[in-house]
PDB file of N, CA and C in Angstrom:
ATOM      1  N   UNK A   1      11.941  11.696  -7.284  1.00  0.00           N
ATOM      2  CA  UNK A   1      11.970  12.401  -6.496  1.00  0.00           C
ATOM      3  C   UNK A   1      11.195  10.388  -5.750  1.00  0.00           C
ATOM      4  N   UNK A   2      11.590  10.187  -5.161  1.00  0.00           N
ATOM      5  CA  UNK A   2      10.949   9.041  -3.815  1.00  0.00           C
ATOM      6  C   UNK A   2       9.662   9.151  -2.805  1.00  0.00           C
ATOM      7  N   UNK A   3       9.410   8.570  -3.404  1.00  0.00           N
ATOM      8  CA  UNK A   3       7.479   8.599  -3.050  1.00  0.00           C
ATOM      9  C   UNK A   3       7.828   8.115  -1.089  1.00  0.00           C
ATOM     10  N   UNK A   4       7.226   9.356  -0.524  1.00  0.00           N
ATOM     11  CA  UNK A   4       7.516   8.703   1.151  1.00  0.00           C
ATOM     12  C   UNK A   4       6.360   8.207   1.678  1.00  0.00           C
ATOM     13  N   UNK A   5       6.397   7.607   2.018  1.00  0.00           N
ATOM     14  CA  UNK A   5       5.110   7.323   3.330  1.00  0.00           C
ATOM     15  C   UNK A   5       3.784   7.341   3.360  1.00  0.00           C
ATOM     16  N   UNK A   6       3.963   8.497   3.226  1.00  0.00           N
ATOM     17  CA  UNK A   6       3.289   9.582   4.266  1.00  0.00           C
ATOM     18  C   UNK A   6       1.862   9.663   2.775  1.00  0.00           C
ATOM     19  N   UNK A   7       3.047   9.780   1.699  1.00  0.00           N
ATOM     20  CA  UNK A   7       2.231   9.292   0.260  1.00  0.00           C
ATOM     21  C   UNK A   7       1.456   8.210   0.059  1.00  0.00           C
ATOM     22  N   UNK A   8       1.801   6.643   0.193  1.00  0.00           N
ATOM     23  CA  UNK A   8       1.136   5.517  -0.005  1.00  0.00           C
ATOM     24  C   UNK A   8      -0.005   6.438   0.978  1.00  0.00           C
ATOM     25  N   UNK A   9       0.446   5.903   1.523  1.00  0.00           N
ATOM     26  CA  UNK A   9      -0.263   5.451   2.821  1.00  0.00           C
ATOM     27  C   UNK A   9      -1.871   6.950   2.358  1.00  0.00           C
ATOM     28  N   UNK A  10      -1.504   7.732   1.864  1.00  0.00           N
ATOM     29  CA  UNK A  10      -2.628   8.949   1.897  1.00  0.00           C
ATOM     30  C   UNK A  10      -3.434   9.192   0.094  1.00  0.00           C
ATOM     31  N   UNK A  11      -2.418   7.879  -0.519  1.00  0.00           N
ATOM     32  CA  UNK A  11      -3.253   6.807  -1.840  1.00  0.00           C
ATOM     33  C   UNK A  11      -4.219   6.368  -1.274  1.00  0.00           C
ATOM     34  N   UNK A  12      -3.599   5.416  -0.762  1.00  0.00           N
ATOM     35  CA  UNK A  12      -4.167   3.841  -0.021  1.00  0.00           C
ATOM     36  C   UNK A  12      -5.693   4.374   0.802  1.00  0.00           C
ATOM     37  N   UNK A  13      -6.045   5.104   0.909  1.00  0.00           N
ATOM     38  CA  UNK A  13      -7.155   5.859   1.992  1.00  0.00           C
ATOM     39  C   UNK A  13      -7.281   6.338   1.274  1.00  0.00           C
ATOM     40  N   UNK A  14      -7.125   6.830   0.174  1.00  0.00           N
ATOM     41  CA  UNK A  14      -8.168   7.546  -0.752  1.00  0.00           C
ATOM     42  C   UNK A  14      -8.958   6.946  -2.003  1.00  0.00           C
ATOM     43  N   UNK A  15      -8.492   5.027  -1.824  1.00  0.00           N
ATOM     44  CA  UNK A  15      -8.866   4.802  -2.059  1.00  0.00           C
ATOM     45  C   UNK A  15     -10.036   3.899  -1.466  1.00  0.00           C
ATOM     46  N   UNK A  16      -9.519   3.747  -0.604  1.00  0.00           N
ATOM     47  CA  UNK A  16     -10.447   3.253   0.695  1.00  0.00           C
ATOM     48  C   UNK A  16      -9.630   3.612   1.859  1.00  0.00           C
ATOM     49  N   UNK A  17     -11.355   4.783   2.647  1.00  0.00           N
ATOM     50  CA  UNK A  17     -11.320   5.472   3.119  1.00  0.00           C
ATOM     51  C   UNK A  17     -10.556   4.728   4.226  1.00  0.00           C
ATOM     52  N   UNK A  18     -11.418   3.038   4.871  1.00  0.00           N
ATOM     53  CA  UNK A  18     -11.593   2.291   5.801  1.00  0.00           C
ATOM     54  C   UNK A  18      -9.946   2.106   6.218  1.00  0.00           C
ATOM     55  N   UNK A  19      -9.042   2.358   5.472  1.00  0.00           N
ATOM     56  CA  UNK A  19      -7.961   1.493   5.266  1.00  0.00           C
ATOM     57  C   UNK A  19      -7.338   2.605   6.095  1.00  0.00           C
ATOM     58  N   UNK A  20      -6.255   0.860   6.899  1.00  0.00           N
ATOM     59  CA  UNK A  20      -5.735   1.862   8.071  1.00  0.00           C
ATOM     60  C   UNK A  20      -4.161   1.167   6.953  1.00  0.00           C
ATOM     61  N   UNK A  21      -3.120   1.612   7.501  1.00  0.00           N
ATOM     62  CA  UNK A  21      -2.081   1.418   6.600  1.00  0.00           C
ATOM     63  C   UNK A  21      -0.522   2.250   6.828  1.00  0.00           C
ATOM     64  N   UNK A  22      -0.392   1.144   7.974  1.00  0.00           N
ATOM     65  CA  UNK A  22       1.466   1.358   8.892  1.00  0.00           C
ATOM     66  C   UNK A  22       2.548   1.198   7.212  1.00  0.00           C
ATOM     67  N   UNK A  23       2.769   1.876   7.569  1.00  0.00           N
ATOM     68  CA  UNK A  23       3.571   2.191   6.176  1.00  0.00           C
ATOM     69  C   UNK A  23       5.716   1.859   7.149  1.00  0.00           C
ATOM     70  N   UNK A  24       7.251   1.204   6.287  1.00  0.00           N
ATOM     71  CA  UNK A  24       7.757   0.337   7.851  1.00  0.00           C
ATOM     72  C   UNK A  24       8.994   1.362   6.240  1.00  0.00           C
ATOM     73  N   UNK A  25       9.836   2.273   5.982  1.00  0.00           N
ATOM     74  CA  UNK A  25      11.028   2.567   5.607  1.00  0.00           C
ATOM     75  C   UNK A  25      12.614   1.252   5.641  1.00  0.00           C
ATOM     76  N   UNK A  26      11.394   0.301   4.691  1.00  0.00           N
ATOM     77  CA  UNK A  26      13.132  -0.801   4.356  1.00  0.00           C
ATOM     78  C   UNK A  26      14.521  -0.408   4.728  1.00  0.00           C
ATOM     79  N   UNK A  27      14.606   0.230   3.519  1.00  0.00           N
ATOM     80  CA  UNK A  27      16.652   0.782   3.802  1.00  0.00           C
ATOM     81  C   UNK A  27      16.865   2.010   4.241  1.00  0.00           C
ATOM     82  N   UNK A  28      16.410   2.673   4.310  1.00  0.00           N
ATOM     83  CA  UNK A  28      16.477   4.158   5.398  1.00  0.00           C
ATOM     84  C   UNK A  28      16.580   5.161   3.901  1.00  0.00           C
ATOM     85  N   UNK A  29      15.567   5.033   2.496  1.00  0.00           N
ATOM     86  CA  UNK A  29      16.016   5.498   1.189  1.00  0.00           C
ATOM     87  C   UNK A  29      15.782   6.182   0.365  1.00  0.00           C
ATOM     88  N   UNK A  30      13.796   5.864   1.155  1.00  0.00           N
ATOM     89  CA  UNK A  30      12.579   6.273   1.522  1.00  0.00           C
ATOM     90  C   UNK A  30      12.336   5.263  -0.508  1.00  0.00           C
ATOM     91  N   UNK A  31      12.801   4.256  -1.361  1.00  0.00           N
ATOM     92  CA  UNK A  31      13.163   3.389  -2.145  1.00  0.00           C
ATOM     93  C   UNK A  31      12.186   1.965  -1.770  1.00  0.00           C
ATOM     94  N   UNK A  32      12.209   1.375  -0.994  1.00  0.00           N
ATOM     95  CA  UNK A  32      11.763   0.472  -0.125  1.00  0.00           C
ATOM     96  C   UNK A  32      11.360   0.636   0.859  1.00  0.00           C
ATOM     97  N   UNK A  33       9.703   0.339   1.067  1.00  0.00           N
ATOM     98  CA  UNK A  33       8.945  -0.051   2.148  1.00  0.00           C
ATOM     99  C   UNK A  33       8.093  -1.003   1.711  1.00  0.00           C
ATOM    100  N   UNK A  34       7.701  -1.335   2.725  1.00  0.00           N
ATOM    101  CA  UNK A  34       6.825  -1.584   3.079  1.00  0.00           C
ATOM    102  C   UNK A  34       5.791  -1.659   3.750  1.00  0.00           C
ATOM    103  N   UNK A  35       4.361  -2.473   2.998  1.00  0.00           N
ATOM    104  CA  UNK A  35       3.018  -2.069   3.905  1.00  0.00           C
ATOM    105  C   UNK A  35       2.656  -3.304   3.981  1.00  0.00           C
ATOM    106  N   UNK A  36       1.502  -2.061   5.396  1.00  0.00           N
ATOM    107  CA  UNK A  36       0.888  -4.003   6.181  1.00  0.00           C
ATOM    108  C   UNK A  36      -0.842  -2.545   5.416  1.00  0.00           C
ATOM    109  N   UNK A  37      -1.538  -3.199   5.021  1.00  0.00           N
ATOM    110  CA  UNK A  37      -2.847  -2.554   4.828  1.00  0.00           C
ATOM    111  C   UNK A  37      -4.203  -3.273   5.110  1.00  0.00           C
ATOM    112  N   UNK A  38      -4.804  -3.343   6.186  1.00  0.00           N
ATOM    113  CA  UNK A  38      -6.188  -3.819   6.515  1.00  0.00           C
ATOM    114  C   UNK A  38      -7.290  -2.207   6.300  1.00  0.00           C
ATOM    115  N   UNK A  39      -8.486  -3.629   5.721  1.00  0.00           N
ATOM    116  CA  UNK A  39      -9.136  -2.682   4.943  1.00  0.00           C
ATOM    117  C   UNK A  39     -10.999  -3.873   5.138  1.00  0.00           C
ATOM    118  N   UNK A  40     -11.957  -3.132   4.995  1.00  0.00           N
ATOM    119  CA  UNK A  40     -12.911  -4.246   4.622  1.00  0.00           C
ATOM    120  C   UNK A  40     -13.801  -4.736   2.812  1.00  0.00           C
ATOM    121  N   UNK A  41     -13.052  -3.391   2.421  1.00  0.00           N
ATOM    122  CA  UNK A  41     -12.941  -3.753   1.319  1.00  0.00           C
ATOM    123  C   UNK A  41     -11.824  -5.499   0.369  1.00  0.00           C
ATOM    124  N   UNK A  42     -11.290  -5.800   1.001  1.00  0.00           N
ATOM    125  CA  UNK A  42     -10.511  -6.262   0.921  1.00  0.00           C
ATOM    126  C   UNK A  42     -11.391  -7.817   0.936  1.00  0.00           C
ATOM    127  N   UNK A  43     -12.353  -8.370   1.874  1.00  0.00           N
ATOM    128  CA  UNK A  43     -13.323  -9.309   1.839  1.00  0.00           C
ATOM    129  C   UNK A  43     -13.559 -10.444   1.728  1.00  0.00           C
ATOM    130  N   UNK A  44     -13.521 -11.177   1.456  1.00  0.00           N
ATOM    131  CA  UNK A  44     -13.466 -12.055  -0.194  1.00  0.00           C
ATOM    132  C   UNK A  44     -13.185 -11.804  -1.402  1.00  0.00           C
ATOM    133  N   UNK A  45     -12.079 -11.257  -1.036  1.00  0.00           N
ATOM    134  CA  UNK A  45     -10.949 -11.866  -2.268  1.00  0.00           C
ATOM    135  C   UNK A  45     -10.133 -11.694  -1.254  1.00  0.00           C
ATOM    136  N   UNK A  46      -8.986 -12.681  -2.883  1.00  0.00           N
ATOM    137  CA  UNK A  46      -8.285 -13.564  -3.181  1.00  0.00           C
ATOM    138  C   UNK A  46      -6.885 -12.424  -2.231  1.00  0.00           C
ATOM    139  N   UNK A  47      -6.374 -12.866  -1.702  1.00  0.00           N
ATOM    140  CA  UNK A  47      -4.179 -12.745  -0.779  1.00  0.00           C
ATOM    141  C   UNK A  47      -4.178 -11.330  -3.275  1.00  0.00           C
ATOM    142  N   UNK A  48      -3.909 -12.080  -3.981  1.00  0.00           N
ATOM    143  CA  UNK A  48      -3.964 -11.587  -5.104  1.00  0.00           C
ATOM    144  C   UNK A  48      -4.397 -10.362  -5.538  1.00  0.00           C
ATOM    145  N   UNK A  49      -5.839 -10.749  -5.618  1.00  0.00           N
ATOM    146  CA  UNK A  49      -6.628  -9.032  -5.585  1.00  0.00           C
ATOM    147  C   UNK A  49      -6.656  -7.590  -4.891  1.00  0.00           C
ATOM    148  N   UNK A  50      -6.819  -8.369  -4.109  1.00  0.00           N
ATOM    149  CA  UNK A  50      -6.244  -7.506  -2.612  1.00  0.00           C
ATOM    150  C   UNK A  50      -5.178  -6.339  -2.891  1.00  0.00           C
ATOM    151  N   UNK A  51      -4.135  -7.162  -3.550  1.00  0.00           N
ATOM    152  CA  UNK A  51      -2.718  -6.251  -3.804  1.00  0.00           C
ATOM    153  C   UNK A  51      -3.048  -5.503  -5.532  1.00  0.00           C
ATOM    154  N   UNK A  52      -3.112  -6.735  -5.654  1.00  0.00           N
ATOM    155  CA  UNK A  52      -3.953  -5.321  -6.683  1.00  0.00           C
ATOM    156  C   UNK A  52      -4.539  -4.235  -6.809  1.00  0.00           C
ATOM    157  N   UNK A  53      -5.381  -4.210  -6.235  1.00  0.00           N
ATOM    158  CA  UNK A  53      -6.990  -3.212  -5.863  1.00  0.00           C
ATOM    159  C   UNK A  53      -5.208  -2.185  -4.906  1.00  0.00           C
ATOM    160  N   UNK A  54      -4.300  -2.553  -4.174  1.00  0.00           N
ATOM    161  CA  UNK A  54      -3.611  -1.476  -3.787  1.00  0.00           C
ATOM    162  C   UNK A  54      -2.625  -0.947  -4.386  1.00  0.00           C
ATOM    163  N   UNK A  55      -2.386  -1.428  -5.533  1.00  0.00           N
ATOM    164  CA  UNK A  55      -1.154  -0.664  -7.076  1.00  0.00           C
ATOM    165  C   UNK A  55      -1.734  -0.074  -7.389  1.00  0.00           C
ATOM    166  N   UNK A  56      -2.806  -0.203  -7.314  1.00  0.00           N
ATOM    167  CA  UNK A  56      -3.735   0.474  -8.274  1.00  0.00           C
ATOM    168  C   UNK A  56      -4.641   1.829  -7.621  1.00  0.00           C
ATOM    169  N   UNK A  57      -4.099   2.263  -6.463  1.00  0.00           N
ATOM    170  CA  UNK A  57      -5.116   2.336  -5.608  1.00  0.00           C
ATOM    171  C   UNK A  57      -3.311   4.051  -5.745  1.00  0.00           C
ATOM    172  N   UNK A  58      -2.224   3.025  -5.115  1.00  0.00           N
ATOM    173  CA  UNK A  58      -0.598   3.695  -5.394  1.00  0.00           C
ATOM    174  C   UNK A  58      -0.521   4.686  -7.004  1.00  0.00           C
ATOM    175  N   UNK A  59      -1.283   4.343  -8.407  1.00  0.00           N
ATOM    176  CA  UNK A  59      -1.479   4.120  -9.029  1.00  0.00           C
ATOM    177  C   UNK A  59       0.568   3.911 -10.035  1.00  0.00           C
ATOM    178  N   UNK A  60      -0.232   4.775 -11.036  1.00  0.00           N
ATOM    179  CA  UNK A  60       1.426   4.795 -11.068  1.00  0.00           C
ATOM    180  C   UNK A  60       2.878   4.662 -11.442  1.00  0.00           C
ATOM    181  N   UNK A  61       2.807   5.768  -9.992  1.00  0.00           N
ATOM    182  CA  UNK A  61       3.719   5.912  -9.086  1.00  0.00           C
ATOM    183  C   UNK A  61       5.017   4.337  -9.124  1.00  0.00           C
ATOM    184  N   UNK A  62       4.233   3.034  -8.729  1.00  0.00           N
ATOM    185  CA  UNK A  62       4.600   2.115  -9.109  1.00  0.00           C
ATOM    186  C   UNK A  62       5.330   1.593  -9.916  1.00  0.00           C
ATOM    187  N   UNK A  63       6.773   1.368  -9.904  1.00  0.00           N
ATOM    188  CA  UNK A  63       8.093   0.685 -10.434  1.00  0.00           C
ATOM    189  C   UNK A  63       8.593   1.917 -10.634  1.00  0.00           C
ATOM    190  N   UNK A  64       8.065   3.758 -10.492  1.00  0.00           N
ATOM    191  CA  UNK A  64       8.831   4.407 -11.590  1.00  0.00           C
ATOM    192  C   UNK A  64       8.998   5.141  -9.958  1.00  0.00           C
ATOM    193  N   UNK A  65       8.673   6.261  -9.210  1.00  0.00           N
ATOM    194  CA  UNK A  65       8.919   6.663  -8.562  1.00  0.00           C
ATOM    195  C   UNK A  65       9.277   6.002  -6.916  1.00  0.00           C
ATOM    196  N   UNK A  66       8.512   4.797  -6.522  1.00  0.00           N
ATOM    197  CA  UNK A  66       8.094   4.438  -6.379  1.00  0.00           C
ATOM    198  C   UNK A  66       8.747   2.891  -7.172  1.00  0.00           C
ATOM    199  N   UNK A  67      10.120   2.321  -6.207  1.00  0.00           N
ATOM    200  CA  UNK A  67      10.656   1.768  -6.089  1.00  0.00           C
ATOM    201  C   UNK A  67       9.902   0.023  -6.065  1.00  0.00           C
ATOM    202  N   UNK A  68      10.317   0.323  -4.652  1.00  0.00           N
ATOM    203  CA  UNK A  68       9.823  -1.322  -4.000  1.00  0.00           C
ATOM    204  C   UNK A  68       9.152  -1.515  -3.329  1.00  0.00           C
ATOM    205  N   UNK A  69       7.768  -2.143  -3.186  1.00  0.00           N
ATOM    206  CA  UNK A  69       7.063  -2.638  -1.584  1.00  0.00           C
ATOM    207  C   UNK A  69       6.287  -4.250  -1.137  1.00  0.00           C
ATOM    208  N   UNK A  70       6.680  -4.175  -0.577  1.00  0.00           N
ATOM    209  CA  UNK A  70       6.276  -6.032   0.703  1.00  0.00           C
ATOM    210  C   UNK A  70       5.122  -4.795   0.532  1.00  0.00           C
ATOM    211  N   UNK A  71       4.501  -6.023   0.566  1.00  0.00           N
ATOM    212  CA  UNK A  71       2.981  -5.554   1.513  1.00  0.00           C
ATOM    213  C   UNK A  71       2.279  -6.584   1.486  1.00  0.00           C
ATOM    214  N   UNK A  72       1.350  -6.311   2.935  1.00  0.00           N
ATOM    215  CA  UNK A  72       0.837  -7.313   3.659  1.00  0.00           C
ATOM    216  C   UNK A  72      -0.492  -6.623   3.390  1.00  0.00           C
ATOM    217  N   UNK A  73      -1.582  -7.891   3.283  1.00  0.00           N
ATOM    218  CA  UNK A  73      -3.348  -6.803   2.849  1.00  0.00           C
ATOM    219  C   UNK A  73      -3.660  -8.131   4.383  1.00  0.00           C
ATOM    220  N   UNK A  74      -4.478  -6.935   4.417  1.00  0.00           N
ATOM    221  CA  UNK A  74      -5.550  -8.246   6.257  1.00  0.00           C
ATOM    222  C   UNK A  74      -7.197  -7.392   5.769  1.00  0.00           C
ATOM    223  N   UNK A  75      -8.243  -8.015   6.137  1.00  0.00           N
ATOM    224  CA  UNK A  75      -8.995  -7.742   6.016  1.00  0.00           C
ATOM    225  C   UNK A  75      -9.601  -7.761   7.735  1.00  0.00           C
ATOM    226  N   UNK A  76     -10.266  -6.902   8.519  1.00  0.00           N
ATOM    227  CA  UNK A  76     -10.149  -6.681   9.409  1.00  0.00           C
ATOM    228  C   UNK A  76     -11.704  -7.549  10.141  1.00  0.00           C
ATOM    229  N   UNK A  77     -10.833  -7.495  11.359  1.00  0.00           N
ATOM    230  CA  UNK A  77     -11.673  -9.189  12.682  1.00  0.00           C
ATOM    231  C   UNK A  77     -12.811  -8.005  12.729  1.00  0.00           C
TER     232      UNK A  77
END
């Protein structure tokens, strides 16, 4: 069963309570998502480290119930 956007956002905000998460279903199939995640936890970390943090928050669903995630990460101003 595909992972929905609300579940992805909930996992990210559980790991990073200050995170602002915007989800977009790219294909309308619940398998291909775009996420825009903004969190102070990303400050001082490389883009690759930031993405790894988000993937860790999503957990083992990445590549399983969640087929594809186009990810953008930002640090709040």
